[in-house]
Amino acid sequence: MLGIDGYVVRVEADSSPGTPALAIIGLPDRALNEARERVRSAIFNSGFMYPAGRLLINLSPADVPRRA
């Protein structure tokens, strides 16, 4: 929400081999960086296995700030 207007944010995710890590990009607010554990819990609670490698989450458009 931006004021009383909503807007669409597209979420793109990529899982690749490498050192286990989770990155959220696309101008995230500081609170969204703290959402890593919530993302991990959501993956587990949805019945999926957490990826063994790197997980990258992109929020677009990048020019609209996000807040939790």
N, C-alpha and C. Protein backbone atom coordinates (compact mmCIF):
# COMPACT_ATOMS: atom_id res chain seq x y z
N MET A 1 0.85 -1.18 0.00
CA MET A 1 0.00 0.00 0.00
C MET A 1 0.89 1.24 0.00
N LEU A 2 0.50 2.20 -0.77
CA LEU A 2 1.16 3.49 -0.79
C LEU A 2 0.07 4.51 -0.54
N GLY A 3 -0.02 4.98 0.71
CA GLY A 3 -1.17 5.79 1.08
C GLY A 3 -2.38 4.87 1.09
N ILE A 4 -3.41 5.22 0.32
CA ILE A 4 -4.57 4.33 0.22
C ILE A 4 -4.59 3.59 -1.11
N ASP A 5 -3.57 3.83 -1.94
CA ASP A 5 -3.47 3.17 -3.24
C ASP A 5 -2.60 1.93 -3.15
N GLY A 6 -3.08 0.83 -3.70
CA GLY A 6 -2.28 -0.38 -3.77
C GLY A 6 -1.52 -0.42 -5.08
N TYR A 7 -0.48 -1.18 -5.16
CA TYR A 7 0.27 -1.35 -6.39
C TYR A 7 0.81 -2.77 -6.47
N VAL A 8 1.10 -3.19 -7.67
CA VAL A 8 1.57 -4.56 -7.91
C VAL A 8 3.09 -4.62 -7.75
N VAL A 9 3.54 -5.60 -7.00
CA VAL A 9 4.97 -5.88 -6.87
C VAL A 9 5.18 -7.30 -7.36
N ARG A 10 6.02 -7.46 -8.36
CA ARG A 10 6.32 -8.79 -8.90
C ARG A 10 7.47 -9.38 -8.10
N VAL A 11 7.32 -10.64 -7.71
CA VAL A 11 8.35 -11.35 -6.94
C VAL A 11 8.94 -12.42 -7.85
N GLU A 12 10.25 -12.35 -8.03
CA GLU A 12 10.96 -13.35 -8.81
C GLU A 12 11.95 -14.04 -7.88
N ALA A 13 12.05 -15.35 -7.97
CA ALA A 13 12.96 -16.10 -7.10
C ALA A 13 13.85 -17.00 -7.93
N ASP A 14 15.08 -17.19 -7.47
CA ASP A 14 16.03 -18.06 -8.14
C ASP A 14 16.77 -18.87 -7.09
N SER A 15 16.90 -20.15 -7.33
CA SER A 15 17.67 -21.03 -6.46
C SER A 15 18.83 -21.57 -7.28
N SER A 16 20.05 -21.41 -6.76
CA SER A 16 21.22 -21.88 -7.49
C SER A 16 22.19 -22.53 -6.52
N PRO A 17 23.09 -23.39 -7.05
CA PRO A 17 24.06 -24.03 -6.17
C PRO A 17 25.04 -23.00 -5.61
N GLY A 18 25.62 -23.31 -4.49
CA GLY A 18 26.60 -22.42 -3.88
C GLY A 18 26.45 -22.43 -2.37
N THR A 19 27.14 -21.52 -1.73
CA THR A 19 27.07 -21.38 -0.29
C THR A 19 25.65 -20.99 0.10
N PRO A 20 25.03 -21.68 1.07
CA PRO A 20 23.66 -21.35 1.45
C PRO A 20 23.52 -19.89 1.89
N ALA A 21 22.59 -19.18 1.25
CA ALA A 21 22.35 -17.77 1.56
C ALA A 21 20.98 -17.39 1.04
N LEU A 22 20.43 -16.33 1.60
CA LEU A 22 19.16 -15.77 1.15
C LEU A 22 19.35 -14.28 0.98
N ALA A 23 19.06 -13.76 -0.20
CA ALA A 23 19.18 -12.33 -0.47
C ALA A 23 17.87 -11.81 -1.03
N ILE A 24 17.43 -10.66 -0.52
CA ILE A 24 16.24 -9.98 -1.02
C ILE A 24 16.72 -8.67 -1.63
N ILE A 25 16.46 -8.46 -2.93
CA ILE A 25 16.93 -7.26 -3.61
C ILE A 25 15.75 -6.51 -4.23
N GLY A 26 15.98 -5.28 -4.64
CA GLY A 26 14.94 -4.46 -5.25
C GLY A 26 14.44 -3.39 -4.30
N LEU A 27 15.34 -2.64 -3.69
CA LEU A 27 15.03 -1.57 -2.75
C LEU A 27 14.19 -2.00 -1.56
N PRO A 28 14.52 -3.10 -0.90
CA PRO A 28 13.73 -3.49 0.26
C PRO A 28 14.00 -2.59 1.45
N ASP A 29 13.00 -2.36 2.25
CA ASP A 29 13.13 -1.63 3.50
C ASP A 29 13.93 -2.50 4.48
N ARG A 30 14.52 -1.91 5.49
CA ARG A 30 15.33 -2.65 6.47
C ARG A 30 14.52 -3.78 7.12
N ALA A 31 13.25 -3.58 7.35
CA ALA A 31 12.41 -4.61 7.97
C ALA A 31 12.27 -5.83 7.06
N LEU A 32 12.32 -5.64 5.74
CA LEU A 32 12.22 -6.78 4.84
C LEU A 32 13.47 -7.63 4.89
N ASN A 33 14.62 -7.03 5.18
CA ASN A 33 15.83 -7.84 5.35
C ASN A 33 15.68 -8.76 6.55
N GLU A 34 14.91 -8.33 7.54
CA GLU A 34 14.68 -9.16 8.72
C GLU A 34 13.63 -10.23 8.45
N ALA A 35 13.05 -10.25 7.27
CA ALA A 35 12.01 -11.21 6.93
C ALA A 35 12.58 -12.56 6.49
N ARG A 36 13.88 -12.72 6.51
CA ARG A 36 14.49 -13.97 6.03
C ARG A 36 13.93 -15.19 6.75
N GLU A 37 13.79 -15.10 8.06
CA GLU A 37 13.26 -16.24 8.82
C GLU A 37 11.80 -16.50 8.47
N ARG A 38 11.03 -15.44 8.19
CA ARG A 38 9.63 -15.64 7.80
C ARG A 38 9.55 -16.32 6.44
N VAL A 39 10.45 -15.98 5.52
CA VAL A 39 10.48 -16.63 4.20
C VAL A 39 10.83 -18.10 4.38
N ARG A 40 11.82 -18.37 5.20
CA ARG A 40 12.23 -19.76 5.45
C ARG A 40 11.08 -20.56 6.04
N SER A 41 10.39 -19.99 7.02
CA SER A 41 9.24 -20.68 7.64
C SER A 41 8.12 -20.90 6.64
N ALA A 42 7.87 -19.91 5.79
CA ALA A 42 6.80 -20.04 4.80
C ALA A 42 7.10 -21.17 3.82
N ILE A 43 8.37 -21.32 3.42
CA ILE A 43 8.74 -22.40 2.51
C ILE A 43 8.49 -23.75 3.18
N PHE A 44 8.95 -23.91 4.42
CA PHE A 44 8.73 -25.16 5.14
C PHE A 44 7.25 -25.44 5.35
N ASN A 45 6.49 -24.44 5.79
CA ASN A 45 5.07 -24.63 6.10
C ASN A 45 4.21 -24.85 4.85
N SER A 46 4.75 -24.54 3.67
CA SER A 46 4.05 -24.80 2.42
C SER A 46 4.30 -26.22 1.94
N GLY A 47 5.13 -26.97 2.67
CA GLY A 47 5.39 -28.35 2.30
C GLY A 47 6.58 -28.53 1.37
N PHE A 48 7.33 -27.47 1.14
CA PHE A 48 8.50 -27.55 0.26
C PHE A 48 9.75 -27.71 1.10
N MET A 49 10.80 -28.26 0.49
CA MET A 49 12.10 -28.35 1.15
C MET A 49 12.84 -27.04 0.87
N TYR A 50 13.56 -26.55 1.88
CA TYR A 50 14.35 -25.33 1.70
C TYR A 50 15.52 -25.64 0.77
N PRO A 51 15.77 -24.79 -0.24
CA PRO A 51 16.86 -25.06 -1.18
C PRO A 51 18.21 -25.14 -0.47
N ALA A 52 19.06 -26.04 -0.92
CA ALA A 52 20.36 -26.25 -0.28
C ALA A 52 21.37 -25.16 -0.61
N GLY A 53 21.19 -24.44 -1.71
CA GLY A 53 22.17 -23.44 -2.14
C GLY A 53 21.69 -22.01 -1.89
N ARG A 54 22.02 -21.15 -2.82
CA ARG A 54 21.68 -19.73 -2.72
C ARG A 54 20.25 -19.49 -3.18
N LEU A 55 19.54 -18.63 -2.46
CA LEU A 55 18.18 -18.26 -2.81
C LEU A 55 18.15 -16.74 -2.97
N LEU A 56 17.76 -16.28 -4.16
CA LEU A 56 17.72 -14.86 -4.47
C LEU A 56 16.27 -14.47 -4.74
N ILE A 57 15.79 -13.43 -4.07
CA ILE A 57 14.43 -12.95 -4.26
C ILE A 57 14.51 -11.52 -4.75
N ASN A 58 13.91 -11.24 -5.91
CA ASN A 58 13.91 -9.91 -6.50
C ASN A 58 12.50 -9.33 -6.44
N LEU A 59 12.39 -8.11 -5.94
CA LEU A 59 11.12 -7.39 -5.89
C LEU A 59 11.16 -6.31 -6.95
N SER A 60 10.19 -6.30 -7.88
CA SER A 60 10.20 -5.27 -8.92
C SER A 60 8.80 -4.69 -9.06
N PRO A 61 8.64 -3.45 -9.41
CA PRO A 61 9.69 -2.53 -9.85
C PRO A 61 10.56 -2.05 -8.69
N ALA A 62 11.83 -1.82 -8.97
CA ALA A 62 12.79 -1.49 -7.94
C ALA A 62 12.69 -0.03 -7.47
N ASP A 63 11.97 0.81 -8.20
CA ASP A 63 11.90 2.22 -7.82
C ASP A 63 10.82 2.53 -6.81
N VAL A 64 10.05 1.50 -6.36
CA VAL A 64 9.00 1.68 -5.36
C VAL A 64 9.48 1.06 -4.05
N PRO A 65 9.70 1.89 -3.00
CA PRO A 65 10.18 1.33 -1.73
C PRO A 65 9.15 0.37 -1.11
N ARG A 66 9.64 -0.69 -0.45
CA ARG A 66 8.77 -1.66 0.22
C ARG A 66 8.95 -1.52 1.72
N ARG A 67 7.87 -1.73 2.44
CA ARG A 67 7.92 -1.73 3.90
C ARG A 67 7.15 -2.94 4.38
N ALA A 68 7.61 -3.55 5.48
CA ALA A 68 6.92 -4.71 6.05
C ALA A 68 5.71 -4.25 6.84
